[in-house]
Amino acid sequence: MKHHTGFTLLAVSALFGLSVATGASADAGKLTESCVGCHGKGGANTEAAIPNIGGYSAAYMTDALKLYKTKARPCPETKIPGGAKKGTKSDMCQAVKDLSDADIKEIAESFAEQKFVRTPQKFDAALAKKGKELHDRLCEKCHSEGGSVASDDVGILAGQKMVYLEEQTKFFLEGKRPISKKMKPKLEELDKAGIQAVLNYYASFK
């Protein structure tokens, strides 16, 4: 594997207060380690607004990082929960702005090798039951098995943080985040109650 320049590694790592080796000594794990301050070891964390990303497909992760780099996805400011920069604020656009395509590929493939960790969270069982019906009718074709299959290349919804999914749904509906032609009419078919039902269904996965 081609080694990355020390500049790129330091730029990303400085954001999260991590020290990394540079030049020829930089190994494949260093870029991924730069993400740990927010996303946690293996891409799993306990912050409600920060998604668990371990186990996402490499294709989905690559697309997401490139959208952040071009600011095509919203980048809400977040307080960094761990590492030397704990307590300071940053956002995803800032975190990825200096990444090369090779860096993005490396990070995406590394997280794809991890296991997705579902978040135990409170949910309304009655809403979850209705949400399953709505998911099966509107979403299952692309988000198979309740949105739990990484190889669908559309992220993992089952067991993802409800707060995070609610925020992303809002971005889709407001036109702030790119949405596929197939997904747009399906999502717009849901009213507020329907969206909450579907989100409770995803939260019900343990």
N, C-alpha and C. Protein backbone atom coordinates (compact mmCIF):
# COMPACT_ATOMS: atom_id res chain seq x y z
N MET A 1 0.84 -1.19 0.00
CA MET A 1 0.00 0.00 0.00
C MET A 1 0.87 1.24 0.00
N LYS A 2 0.49 2.20 -0.79
CA LYS A 2 1.25 3.43 -0.87
C LYS A 2 1.12 4.22 0.43
N HIS A 3 2.26 4.72 0.94
CA HIS A 3 2.23 5.50 2.17
C HIS A 3 1.75 6.91 1.86
N HIS A 4 1.04 7.51 2.83
CA HIS A 4 0.53 8.85 2.66
C HIS A 4 1.51 9.86 3.23
N THR A 5 1.37 11.10 2.82
CA THR A 5 2.29 12.12 3.29
C THR A 5 2.03 12.47 4.73
N GLY A 6 3.07 12.91 5.42
CA GLY A 6 2.92 13.29 6.81
C GLY A 6 1.97 14.46 6.97
N PHE A 7 1.90 15.36 5.99
CA PHE A 7 1.03 16.53 6.09
C PHE A 7 -0.42 16.12 6.27
N THR A 8 -0.89 15.19 5.42
CA THR A 8 -2.29 14.79 5.49
C THR A 8 -2.59 14.11 6.81
N LEU A 9 -1.72 13.22 7.24
CA LEU A 9 -1.93 12.51 8.50
C LEU A 9 -1.96 13.48 9.67
N LEU A 10 -1.04 14.42 9.69
CA LEU A 10 -1.00 15.37 10.79
C LEU A 10 -2.21 16.29 10.78
N ALA A 11 -2.66 16.67 9.59
CA ALA A 11 -3.80 17.58 9.50
C ALA A 11 -5.04 16.95 10.11
N VAL A 12 -5.25 15.67 9.81
CA VAL A 12 -6.42 14.98 10.34
C VAL A 12 -6.24 14.68 11.82
N SER A 13 -5.05 14.20 12.18
CA SER A 13 -4.82 13.79 13.55
C SER A 13 -4.82 14.95 14.53
N ALA A 14 -4.35 16.11 14.08
CA ALA A 14 -4.31 17.27 14.95
C ALA A 14 -5.70 17.67 15.41
N LEU A 15 -6.69 17.43 14.56
CA LEU A 15 -8.04 17.79 14.88
C LEU A 15 -8.54 17.04 16.12
N PHE A 16 -8.08 15.80 16.28
CA PHE A 16 -8.54 14.99 17.39
C PHE A 16 -7.48 14.79 18.46
N GLY A 17 -6.37 15.51 18.34
CA GLY A 17 -5.35 15.46 19.38
C GLY A 17 -4.59 14.17 19.42
N LEU A 18 -4.40 13.53 18.28
CA LEU A 18 -3.68 12.26 18.22
C LEU A 18 -2.31 12.47 17.59
N SER A 19 -1.30 11.80 18.12
CA SER A 19 0.02 11.87 17.50
C SER A 19 0.20 10.67 16.60
N VAL A 20 0.76 10.91 15.42
CA VAL A 20 0.94 9.81 14.48
C VAL A 20 2.34 9.85 13.90
N ALA A 21 2.78 8.70 13.40
CA ALA A 21 4.06 8.64 12.70
C ALA A 21 3.88 9.25 11.33
N THR A 22 4.97 9.75 10.75
CA THR A 22 4.88 10.35 9.43
C THR A 22 5.78 9.62 8.46
N GLY A 23 5.61 9.97 7.17
CA GLY A 23 6.45 9.40 6.13
C GLY A 23 6.29 7.89 6.02
N ALA A 24 7.40 7.22 5.81
CA ALA A 24 7.36 5.78 5.55
C ALA A 24 6.88 4.97 6.73
N SER A 25 6.91 5.53 7.94
CA SER A 25 6.49 4.76 9.11
C SER A 25 4.99 4.81 9.34
N ALA A 26 4.26 5.62 8.57
CA ALA A 26 2.82 5.72 8.74
C ALA A 26 2.16 4.44 8.25
N ASP A 27 1.40 3.75 9.12
CA ASP A 27 0.77 2.51 8.69
C ASP A 27 -0.71 2.73 8.40
N ALA A 28 -1.36 1.68 7.92
CA ALA A 28 -2.73 1.80 7.44
C ALA A 28 -3.72 2.19 8.53
N GLY A 29 -3.38 1.93 9.80
CA GLY A 29 -4.33 2.22 10.85
C GLY A 29 -4.33 3.64 11.36
N LYS A 30 -3.33 4.42 11.02
CA LYS A 30 -3.20 5.75 11.60
C LYS A 30 -4.33 6.69 11.21
N LEU A 31 -4.74 6.67 9.97
CA LEU A 31 -5.82 7.55 9.55
C LEU A 31 -7.12 7.20 10.28
N THR A 32 -7.39 5.91 10.41
CA THR A 32 -8.59 5.48 11.12
C THR A 32 -8.54 5.90 12.58
N GLU A 33 -7.36 5.82 13.18
CA GLU A 33 -7.22 6.24 14.57
C GLU A 33 -7.58 7.71 14.75
N SER A 34 -7.41 8.49 13.70
CA SER A 34 -7.72 9.91 13.76
C SER A 34 -9.21 10.16 13.97
N CYS A 35 -10.03 9.16 13.71
CA CYS A 35 -11.48 9.31 13.83
C CYS A 35 -12.00 8.90 15.21
N VAL A 36 -11.13 8.28 16.01
CA VAL A 36 -11.55 7.71 17.28
C VAL A 36 -12.03 8.75 18.28
N GLY A 37 -11.46 9.98 18.23
CA GLY A 37 -11.85 11.00 19.18
C GLY A 37 -13.35 11.25 19.21
N CYS A 38 -14.00 11.13 18.05
CA CYS A 38 -15.45 11.32 17.97
C CYS A 38 -16.22 10.00 17.85
N HIS A 39 -15.79 9.15 16.92
CA HIS A 39 -16.57 7.95 16.61
C HIS A 39 -16.26 6.75 17.49
N GLY A 40 -15.20 6.83 18.30
CA GLY A 40 -14.89 5.74 19.21
C GLY A 40 -14.11 4.62 18.56
N LYS A 41 -13.53 3.78 19.38
CA LYS A 41 -12.75 2.65 18.90
C LYS A 41 -13.63 1.71 18.09
N GLY A 42 -13.15 1.36 16.90
CA GLY A 42 -13.92 0.48 16.03
C GLY A 42 -15.14 1.15 15.43
N GLY A 43 -15.25 2.48 15.62
CA GLY A 43 -16.39 3.20 15.07
C GLY A 43 -17.63 3.14 15.92
N ALA A 44 -17.50 2.76 17.20
CA ALA A 44 -18.65 2.67 18.10
C ALA A 44 -18.47 3.63 19.26
N ASN A 45 -19.51 4.39 19.57
CA ASN A 45 -19.46 5.37 20.65
C ASN A 45 -20.82 5.48 21.32
N THR A 46 -20.89 6.24 22.39
CA THR A 46 -22.14 6.38 23.14
C THR A 46 -22.79 7.75 23.00
N GLU A 47 -22.27 8.58 22.09
CA GLU A 47 -22.84 9.91 21.88
C GLU A 47 -24.07 9.83 20.99
N ALA A 48 -25.19 10.40 21.45
CA ALA A 48 -26.46 10.28 20.73
C ALA A 48 -26.42 10.86 19.31
N ALA A 49 -25.68 11.94 19.12
CA ALA A 49 -25.68 12.61 17.82
C ALA A 49 -24.56 12.17 16.89
N ILE A 50 -23.69 11.27 17.38
CA ILE A 50 -22.57 10.79 16.57
C ILE A 50 -22.83 9.34 16.18
N PRO A 51 -22.93 9.04 14.88
CA PRO A 51 -23.29 7.68 14.47
C PRO A 51 -22.20 6.65 14.73
N ASN A 52 -22.61 5.42 14.95
CA ASN A 52 -21.68 4.30 14.96
C ASN A 52 -21.42 3.95 13.49
N ILE A 53 -20.15 3.91 13.10
CA ILE A 53 -19.82 3.73 11.68
C ILE A 53 -19.02 2.47 11.39
N GLY A 54 -18.60 1.75 12.41
CA GLY A 54 -17.91 0.49 12.18
C GLY A 54 -18.86 -0.49 11.51
N GLY A 55 -18.41 -1.14 10.44
CA GLY A 55 -19.26 -2.11 9.75
C GLY A 55 -20.01 -1.54 8.56
N TYR A 56 -20.01 -0.21 8.39
CA TYR A 56 -20.57 0.37 7.17
C TYR A 56 -19.78 -0.16 5.98
N SER A 57 -20.42 -0.27 4.83
CA SER A 57 -19.69 -0.73 3.66
C SER A 57 -18.68 0.32 3.22
N ALA A 58 -17.60 -0.14 2.60
CA ALA A 58 -16.57 0.78 2.11
C ALA A 58 -17.15 1.73 1.07
N ALA A 59 -18.07 1.24 0.24
CA ALA A 59 -18.67 2.09 -0.79
C ALA A 59 -19.48 3.22 -0.17
N TYR A 60 -20.25 2.91 0.87
CA TYR A 60 -21.06 3.94 1.52
C TYR A 60 -20.17 4.95 2.23
N MET A 61 -19.15 4.45 2.95
CA MET A 61 -18.25 5.34 3.67
C MET A 61 -17.50 6.26 2.71
N THR A 62 -17.05 5.72 1.59
CA THR A 62 -16.34 6.52 0.60
C THR A 62 -17.22 7.66 0.09
N ASP A 63 -18.45 7.32 -0.25
CA ASP A 63 -19.38 8.32 -0.75
C ASP A 63 -19.66 9.39 0.32
N ALA A 64 -19.86 8.96 1.56
CA ALA A 64 -20.16 9.90 2.64
C ALA A 64 -19.00 10.87 2.87
N LEU A 65 -17.79 10.35 2.91
CA LEU A 65 -16.63 11.20 3.16
C LEU A 65 -16.41 12.21 2.03
N LYS A 66 -16.66 11.78 0.80
CA LYS A 66 -16.50 12.69 -0.33
C LYS A 66 -17.57 13.77 -0.31
N LEU A 67 -18.78 13.43 0.14
CA LEU A 67 -19.83 14.43 0.25
C LEU A 67 -19.50 15.45 1.33
N TYR A 68 -18.92 14.98 2.43
CA TYR A 68 -18.50 15.91 3.48
C TYR A 68 -17.36 16.82 2.97
N LYS A 69 -16.45 16.23 2.24
CA LYS A 69 -15.30 17.00 1.75
C LYS A 69 -15.74 18.13 0.82
N THR A 70 -16.76 17.88 0.03
CA THR A 70 -17.27 18.90 -0.89
C THR A 70 -18.39 19.74 -0.26
N LYS A 71 -18.68 19.45 1.00
CA LYS A 71 -19.73 20.15 1.75
C LYS A 71 -21.11 19.95 1.13
N ALA A 72 -21.29 18.81 0.45
CA ALA A 72 -22.59 18.48 -0.12
C ALA A 72 -23.51 17.89 0.94
N ARG A 73 -22.94 17.48 2.08
CA ARG A 73 -23.72 17.05 3.23
C ARG A 73 -23.53 18.06 4.35
N PRO A 74 -24.58 18.35 5.13
CA PRO A 74 -24.44 19.27 6.25
C PRO A 74 -23.41 18.76 7.25
N CYS A 75 -22.70 19.68 7.85
CA CYS A 75 -21.67 19.33 8.84
C CYS A 75 -21.95 20.05 10.17
N PRO A 76 -22.88 19.52 10.95
CA PRO A 76 -23.19 20.16 12.23
C PRO A 76 -21.97 20.17 13.15
N GLU A 77 -21.78 21.26 13.85
CA GLU A 77 -20.66 21.34 14.79
C GLU A 77 -20.92 20.41 15.95
N THR A 78 -19.88 19.68 16.34
CA THR A 78 -20.00 18.68 17.40
C THR A 78 -18.90 18.85 18.42
N LYS A 79 -19.24 18.65 19.68
CA LYS A 79 -18.22 18.68 20.72
C LYS A 79 -17.49 17.35 20.72
N ILE A 80 -16.17 17.38 20.61
CA ILE A 80 -15.37 16.17 20.56
C ILE A 80 -15.40 15.49 21.94
N PRO A 81 -15.89 14.25 22.01
CA PRO A 81 -16.08 13.61 23.31
C PRO A 81 -14.86 12.92 23.90
N GLY A 82 -13.79 12.73 23.12
CA GLY A 82 -12.63 12.01 23.64
C GLY A 82 -11.32 12.50 23.04
N GLY A 83 -10.20 11.98 23.56
CA GLY A 83 -8.89 12.36 23.05
C GLY A 83 -8.40 13.67 23.62
N ALA A 84 -7.25 14.11 23.14
CA ALA A 84 -6.63 15.33 23.64
C ALA A 84 -7.45 16.58 23.35
N LYS A 85 -8.31 16.50 22.32
CA LYS A 85 -9.15 17.64 21.94
C LYS A 85 -10.53 17.58 22.59
N LYS A 86 -10.68 16.70 23.56
CA LYS A 86 -11.98 16.52 24.23
C LYS A 86 -12.52 17.86 24.73
N GLY A 87 -13.80 18.09 24.43
CA GLY A 87 -14.45 19.32 24.88
C GLY A 87 -14.41 20.45 23.88
N THR A 88 -13.51 20.37 22.89
CA THR A 88 -13.49 21.39 21.84
C THR A 88 -14.49 21.00 20.75
N LYS A 89 -14.74 21.90 19.82
CA LYS A 89 -15.75 21.64 18.81
C LYS A 89 -15.15 21.56 17.40
N SER A 90 -15.75 20.75 16.58
CA SER A 90 -15.34 20.65 15.18
C SER A 90 -16.52 20.09 14.39
N ASP A 91 -16.31 19.76 13.13
CA ASP A 91 -17.35 19.16 12.31
C ASP A 91 -16.73 18.28 11.24
N MET A 92 -17.55 17.50 10.56
CA MET A 92 -17.04 16.54 9.58
C MET A 92 -16.39 17.21 8.37
N CYS A 93 -16.91 18.34 7.94
CA CYS A 93 -16.30 19.03 6.80
C CYS A 93 -14.87 19.44 7.12
N GLN A 94 -14.67 19.92 8.34
CA GLN A 94 -13.34 20.31 8.78
C GLN A 94 -12.44 19.08 8.90
N ALA A 95 -13.00 18.00 9.41
CA ALA A 95 -12.20 16.80 9.67
C ALA A 95 -11.66 16.15 8.40
N VAL A 96 -12.41 16.25 7.29
CA VAL A 96 -12.01 15.52 6.08
C VAL A 96 -11.45 16.43 4.97
N LYS A 97 -11.38 17.72 5.21
CA LYS A 97 -11.06 18.65 4.12
C LYS A 97 -9.70 18.40 3.47
N ASP A 98 -8.73 17.84 4.20
CA ASP A 98 -7.40 17.62 3.63
C ASP A 98 -7.17 16.17 3.20
N LEU A 99 -8.19 15.33 3.26
CA LEU A 99 -8.02 13.93 2.88
C LEU A 99 -7.92 13.78 1.36
N SER A 100 -6.98 12.95 0.93
CA SER A 100 -6.89 12.61 -0.49
C SER A 100 -7.86 11.46 -0.78
N ASP A 101 -8.06 11.15 -2.04
CA ASP A 101 -8.92 10.01 -2.41
C ASP A 101 -8.35 8.72 -1.82
N ALA A 102 -7.03 8.61 -1.79
CA ALA A 102 -6.40 7.41 -1.23
C ALA A 102 -6.65 7.33 0.28
N ASP A 103 -6.60 8.46 0.96
CA ASP A 103 -6.89 8.50 2.39
C ASP A 103 -8.33 8.05 2.66
N ILE A 104 -9.24 8.58 1.87
CA ILE A 104 -10.66 8.23 2.03
C ILE A 104 -10.88 6.74 1.81
N LYS A 105 -10.24 6.20 0.80
CA LYS A 105 -10.35 4.77 0.51
C LYS A 105 -9.84 3.95 1.69
N GLU A 106 -8.72 4.39 2.25
CA GLU A 106 -8.11 3.68 3.38
C GLU A 106 -9.02 3.68 4.60
N ILE A 107 -9.56 4.84 4.92
CA ILE A 107 -10.46 4.96 6.06
C ILE A 107 -11.71 4.12 5.85
N ALA A 108 -12.30 4.21 4.67
CA ALA A 108 -13.53 3.49 4.37
C ALA A 108 -13.33 1.98 4.49
N GLU A 109 -12.24 1.49 3.94
CA GLU A 109 -11.98 0.05 3.98
C GLU A 109 -11.69 -0.42 5.41
N SER A 110 -11.03 0.43 6.18
CA SER A 110 -10.72 0.05 7.55
C SER A 110 -11.98 -0.07 8.40
N PHE A 111 -12.87 0.90 8.30
CA PHE A 111 -14.11 0.83 9.08
C PHE A 111 -15.02 -0.29 8.59
N ALA A 112 -14.97 -0.59 7.30
CA ALA A 112 -15.79 -1.67 6.75
C ALA A 112 -15.41 -3.02 7.35
N GLU A 113 -14.19 -3.14 7.82
CA GLU A 113 -13.73 -4.40 8.43
C GLU A 113 -14.19 -4.54 9.88
N GLN A 114 -14.70 -3.48 10.46
CA GLN A 114 -15.15 -3.53 11.85
C GLN A 114 -16.57 -4.09 11.94
N LYS A 115 -17.01 -4.36 13.14
CA LYS A 115 -18.37 -4.86 13.37
C LYS A 115 -19.26 -3.69 13.76
N PHE A 116 -20.44 -3.62 13.15
CA PHE A 116 -21.38 -2.57 13.53
C PHE A 116 -21.95 -2.87 14.91
N VAL A 117 -21.91 -1.88 15.77
CA VAL A 117 -22.41 -2.04 17.14
C VAL A 117 -23.75 -1.31 17.26
N ARG A 118 -24.79 -2.06 17.55
CA ARG A 118 -26.11 -1.46 17.73
C ARG A 118 -26.19 -0.76 19.08
N THR A 119 -26.90 0.35 19.12
CA THR A 119 -27.01 1.15 20.34
C THR A 119 -28.27 0.80 21.11
N PRO A 120 -28.14 0.33 22.35
CA PRO A 120 -29.34 0.10 23.17
C PRO A 120 -30.00 1.45 23.46
N GLN A 121 -31.26 1.58 23.14
CA GLN A 121 -31.93 2.85 23.35
C GLN A 121 -33.42 2.64 23.59
N LYS A 122 -34.04 3.61 24.22
CA LYS A 122 -35.47 3.51 24.51
C LYS A 122 -36.27 3.68 23.22
N PHE A 123 -37.36 2.94 23.11
CA PHE A 123 -38.24 3.06 21.96
C PHE A 123 -39.66 2.69 22.37
N ASP A 124 -40.60 3.14 21.58
CA ASP A 124 -42.00 2.84 21.82
C ASP A 124 -42.37 1.59 21.02
N ALA A 125 -42.74 0.53 21.72
CA ALA A 125 -43.00 -0.75 21.05
C ALA A 125 -44.15 -0.66 20.05
N ALA A 126 -45.19 0.08 20.41
CA ALA A 126 -46.34 0.21 19.50
C ALA A 126 -45.94 0.97 18.24
N LEU A 127 -45.16 2.03 18.43
CA LEU A 127 -44.68 2.78 17.27
C LEU A 127 -43.75 1.93 16.42
N ALA A 128 -42.90 1.15 17.07
CA ALA A 128 -41.96 0.30 16.35
C ALA A 128 -42.69 -0.71 15.48
N LYS A 129 -43.80 -1.23 16.00
CA LYS A 129 -44.60 -2.21 15.23
C LYS A 129 -45.16 -1.56 13.98
N LYS A 130 -45.68 -0.34 14.14
CA LYS A 130 -46.20 0.39 12.98
C LYS A 130 -45.05 0.75 12.04
N GLY A 131 -43.91 1.11 12.64
CA GLY A 131 -42.76 1.47 11.84
C GLY A 131 -42.27 0.33 10.97
N LYS A 132 -42.35 -0.89 11.50
CA LYS A 132 -41.94 -2.07 10.72
C LYS A 132 -42.82 -2.21 9.48
N GLU A 133 -44.11 -1.99 9.67
CA GLU A 133 -45.03 -2.10 8.54
C GLU A 133 -44.70 -1.05 7.46
N LEU A 134 -44.41 0.16 7.92
CA LEU A 134 -44.06 1.23 6.97
C LEU A 134 -42.72 0.94 6.29
N HIS A 135 -41.76 0.47 7.08
CA HIS A 135 -40.46 0.13 6.50
C HIS A 135 -40.61 -0.95 5.45
N ASP A 136 -41.36 -2.01 5.78
CA ASP A 136 -41.51 -3.13 4.85
C ASP A 136 -42.17 -2.69 3.55
N ARG A 137 -43.05 -1.71 3.63
CA ARG A 137 -43.76 -1.24 2.44
C ARG A 137 -42.96 -0.23 1.63
N LEU A 138 -42.24 0.64 2.32
CA LEU A 138 -41.60 1.75 1.62
C LEU A 138 -40.07 1.65 1.50
N CYS A 139 -39.44 0.98 2.45
CA CYS A 139 -37.97 1.07 2.55
C CYS A 139 -37.21 -0.23 2.33
N GLU A 140 -37.89 -1.35 2.53
CA GLU A 140 -37.21 -2.64 2.56
C GLU A 140 -36.46 -2.98 1.27
N LYS A 141 -36.96 -2.50 0.15
CA LYS A 141 -36.33 -2.85 -1.13
C LYS A 141 -34.88 -2.40 -1.18
N CYS A 142 -34.57 -1.23 -0.61
CA CYS A 142 -33.20 -0.73 -0.62
C CYS A 142 -32.48 -0.95 0.72
N HIS A 143 -33.24 -0.86 1.81
CA HIS A 143 -32.69 -1.07 3.17
C HIS A 143 -33.16 -2.43 3.66
N SER A 144 -32.56 -3.47 3.12
CA SER A 144 -33.05 -4.83 3.38
C SER A 144 -32.82 -5.30 4.81
N GLU A 145 -33.65 -6.25 5.21
CA GLU A 145 -33.61 -6.85 6.55
C GLU A 145 -33.65 -5.77 7.64
N GLY A 146 -34.59 -4.85 7.46
CA GLY A 146 -34.76 -3.81 8.46
C GLY A 146 -33.66 -2.78 8.46
N GLY A 147 -32.94 -2.67 7.36
CA GLY A 147 -31.85 -1.70 7.29
C GLY A 147 -30.60 -2.17 8.00
N SER A 148 -30.38 -3.49 8.02
CA SER A 148 -29.25 -4.05 8.76
C SER A 148 -28.14 -4.60 7.89
N VAL A 149 -28.30 -4.55 6.57
CA VAL A 149 -27.34 -5.18 5.67
C VAL A 149 -26.37 -4.15 5.09
N ALA A 150 -25.12 -4.25 5.49
CA ALA A 150 -24.12 -3.27 5.05
C ALA A 150 -23.92 -3.28 3.55
N SER A 151 -24.01 -4.44 2.94
CA SER A 151 -23.74 -4.56 1.50
C SER A 151 -24.79 -3.90 0.63
N ASP A 152 -25.86 -3.39 1.23
CA ASP A 152 -26.82 -2.59 0.46
C ASP A 152 -26.18 -1.26 0.04
N ASP A 153 -25.09 -0.90 0.71
CA ASP A 153 -24.34 0.33 0.42
C ASP A 153 -25.16 1.60 0.66
N VAL A 154 -26.06 1.54 1.64
CA VAL A 154 -26.88 2.71 2.00
C VAL A 154 -26.82 2.98 3.50
N GLY A 155 -25.74 2.57 4.12
CA GLY A 155 -25.61 2.75 5.56
C GLY A 155 -26.33 1.65 6.32
N ILE A 156 -26.27 1.71 7.64
CA ILE A 156 -26.96 0.75 8.49
C ILE A 156 -27.91 1.53 9.39
N LEU A 157 -29.18 1.18 9.33
CA LEU A 157 -30.21 1.88 10.09
C LEU A 157 -30.61 1.12 11.36
N ALA A 158 -30.61 -0.20 11.28
CA ALA A 158 -31.03 -1.03 12.41
C ALA A 158 -30.06 -0.88 13.58
N GLY A 159 -30.53 -0.28 14.67
CA GLY A 159 -29.68 -0.12 15.84
C GLY A 159 -28.86 1.16 15.83
N GLN A 160 -29.03 1.99 14.81
CA GLN A 160 -28.33 3.28 14.77
C GLN A 160 -29.01 4.25 15.74
N LYS A 161 -28.30 5.28 16.16
CA LYS A 161 -28.86 6.25 17.11
C LYS A 161 -30.08 6.96 16.51
N MET A 162 -31.19 6.96 17.26
CA MET A 162 -32.41 7.58 16.78
C MET A 162 -32.24 9.09 16.61
N VAL A 163 -31.51 9.75 17.52
CA VAL A 163 -31.28 11.19 17.42
C VAL A 163 -30.56 11.53 16.11
N TYR A 164 -29.55 10.73 15.78
CA TYR A 164 -28.79 10.96 14.55
C TYR A 164 -29.67 10.73 13.33
N LEU A 165 -30.43 9.63 13.31
CA LEU A 165 -31.28 9.34 12.16
C LEU A 165 -32.37 10.39 11.99
N GLU A 166 -32.88 10.92 13.08
CA GLU A 166 -33.90 11.97 13.00
C GLU A 166 -33.31 13.23 12.37
N GLU A 167 -32.08 13.56 12.75
CA GLU A 167 -31.42 14.74 12.18
C GLU A 167 -31.17 14.56 10.69
N GLN A 168 -30.70 13.37 10.29
CA GLN A 168 -30.43 13.13 8.87
C GLN A 168 -31.70 13.12 8.04
N THR A 169 -32.79 12.60 8.61
CA THR A 169 -34.08 12.61 7.92
C THR A 169 -34.52 14.05 7.67
N LYS A 170 -34.31 14.90 8.65
CA LYS A 170 -34.64 16.32 8.52
C LYS A 170 -33.82 16.96 7.38
N PHE A 171 -32.54 16.61 7.31
CA PHE A 171 -31.69 17.14 6.25
C PHE A 171 -32.19 16.70 4.88
N PHE A 172 -32.60 15.44 4.77
CA PHE A 172 -33.13 14.94 3.49
C PHE A 172 -34.38 15.74 3.09
N LEU A 173 -35.31 15.89 4.04
CA LEU A 173 -36.57 16.54 3.74
C LEU A 173 -36.39 18.02 3.42
N GLU A 174 -35.38 18.65 4.01
CA GLU A 174 -35.13 20.07 3.77
C GLU A 174 -34.26 20.30 2.53
N GLY A 175 -33.86 19.21 1.86
CA GLY A 175 -33.04 19.34 0.67
C GLY A 175 -31.60 19.71 0.95
N LYS A 176 -31.16 19.51 2.18
CA LYS A 176 -29.79 19.86 2.56
C LYS A 176 -28.82 18.71 2.35
N ARG A 177 -29.35 17.51 2.20
CA ARG A 177 -28.51 16.34 1.96
C ARG A 177 -28.99 15.65 0.69
N PRO A 178 -28.08 15.25 -0.20
CA PRO A 178 -28.48 14.59 -1.45
C PRO A 178 -29.33 13.35 -1.17
N ILE A 179 -30.37 13.16 -1.96
CA ILE A 179 -31.27 12.03 -1.78
C ILE A 179 -31.53 11.39 -3.14
N SER A 180 -31.62 10.08 -3.17
CA SER A 180 -31.82 9.39 -4.44
C SER A 180 -33.24 9.60 -4.95
N LYS A 181 -33.41 9.48 -6.26
CA LYS A 181 -34.72 9.66 -6.87
C LYS A 181 -35.72 8.62 -6.37
N LYS A 182 -35.21 7.43 -6.01
CA LYS A 182 -36.10 6.39 -5.50
C LYS A 182 -36.54 6.67 -4.07
N MET A 183 -35.64 7.22 -3.29
CA MET A 183 -35.94 7.44 -1.88
C MET A 183 -36.83 8.65 -1.64
N LYS A 184 -36.66 9.68 -2.42
CA LYS A 184 -37.37 10.96 -2.18
C LYS A 184 -38.88 10.79 -2.08
N PRO A 185 -39.57 10.17 -3.04
CA PRO A 185 -41.03 10.04 -2.92
C PRO A 185 -41.45 9.12 -1.78
N LYS A 186 -40.63 8.14 -1.46
CA LYS A 186 -40.94 7.23 -0.35
C LYS A 186 -40.90 7.99 0.97
N LEU A 187 -39.86 8.79 1.16
CA LEU A 187 -39.73 9.54 2.40
C LEU A 187 -40.82 10.61 2.51
N GLU A 188 -41.13 11.26 1.40
CA GLU A 188 -42.14 12.31 1.42
C GLU A 188 -43.55 11.75 1.66
N GLU A 189 -43.71 10.45 1.48
CA GLU A 189 -45.00 9.82 1.75
C GLU A 189 -45.26 9.71 3.25
N LEU A 190 -44.21 9.79 4.04
CA LEU A 190 -44.35 9.67 5.49
C LEU A 190 -44.64 11.02 6.12
N ASP A 191 -45.64 11.06 7.01
CA ASP A 191 -45.86 12.27 7.79
C ASP A 191 -44.98 12.19 9.04
N LYS A 192 -45.07 13.19 9.91
CA LYS A 192 -44.22 13.22 11.10
C LYS A 192 -44.40 11.99 11.96
N ALA A 193 -45.65 11.56 12.11
CA ALA A 193 -45.94 10.37 12.92
C ALA A 193 -45.33 9.12 12.29
N GLY A 194 -45.41 9.05 10.97
CA GLY A 194 -44.84 7.91 10.27
C GLY A 194 -43.33 7.85 10.40
N ILE A 195 -42.69 9.00 10.31
CA ILE A 195 -41.23 9.06 10.46
C ILE A 195 -40.83 8.60 11.86
N GLN A 196 -41.55 9.08 12.87
CA GLN A 196 -41.25 8.66 14.24
C GLN A 196 -41.45 7.17 14.42
N ALA A 197 -42.46 6.62 13.76
CA ALA A 197 -42.71 5.18 13.85
C ALA A 197 -41.54 4.39 13.26
N VAL A 198 -41.10 4.80 12.09
CA VAL A 198 -39.99 4.11 11.44
C VAL A 198 -38.71 4.23 12.26
N LEU A 199 -38.45 5.40 12.82
CA LEU A 199 -37.26 5.59 13.64
C LEU A 199 -37.31 4.72 14.90
N ASN A 200 -38.51 4.58 15.47
CA ASN A 200 -38.63 3.71 16.64
C ASN A 200 -38.41 2.24 16.26
N TYR A 201 -38.79 1.88 15.04
CA TYR A 201 -38.52 0.52 14.55
C TYR A 201 -37.03 0.28 14.47
N TYR A 202 -36.28 1.20 13.91
CA TYR A 202 -34.83 1.04 13.81
C TYR A 202 -34.19 1.00 15.21
N ALA A 203 -34.75 1.80 16.12
CA ALA A 203 -34.21 1.83 17.49
C ALA A 203 -34.49 0.54 18.24
N SER A 204 -35.47 -0.23 17.78
CA SER A 204 -35.85 -1.46 18.48
C SER A 204 -34.86 -2.60 18.28
N PHE A 205 -33.94 -2.45 17.30
CA PHE A 205 -32.95 -3.50 17.06
C PHE A 205 -31.88 -3.47 18.15
N LYS A 206 -31.64 -4.61 18.74
CA LYS A 206 -30.65 -4.71 19.84
C LYS A 206 -29.48 -5.59 19.43
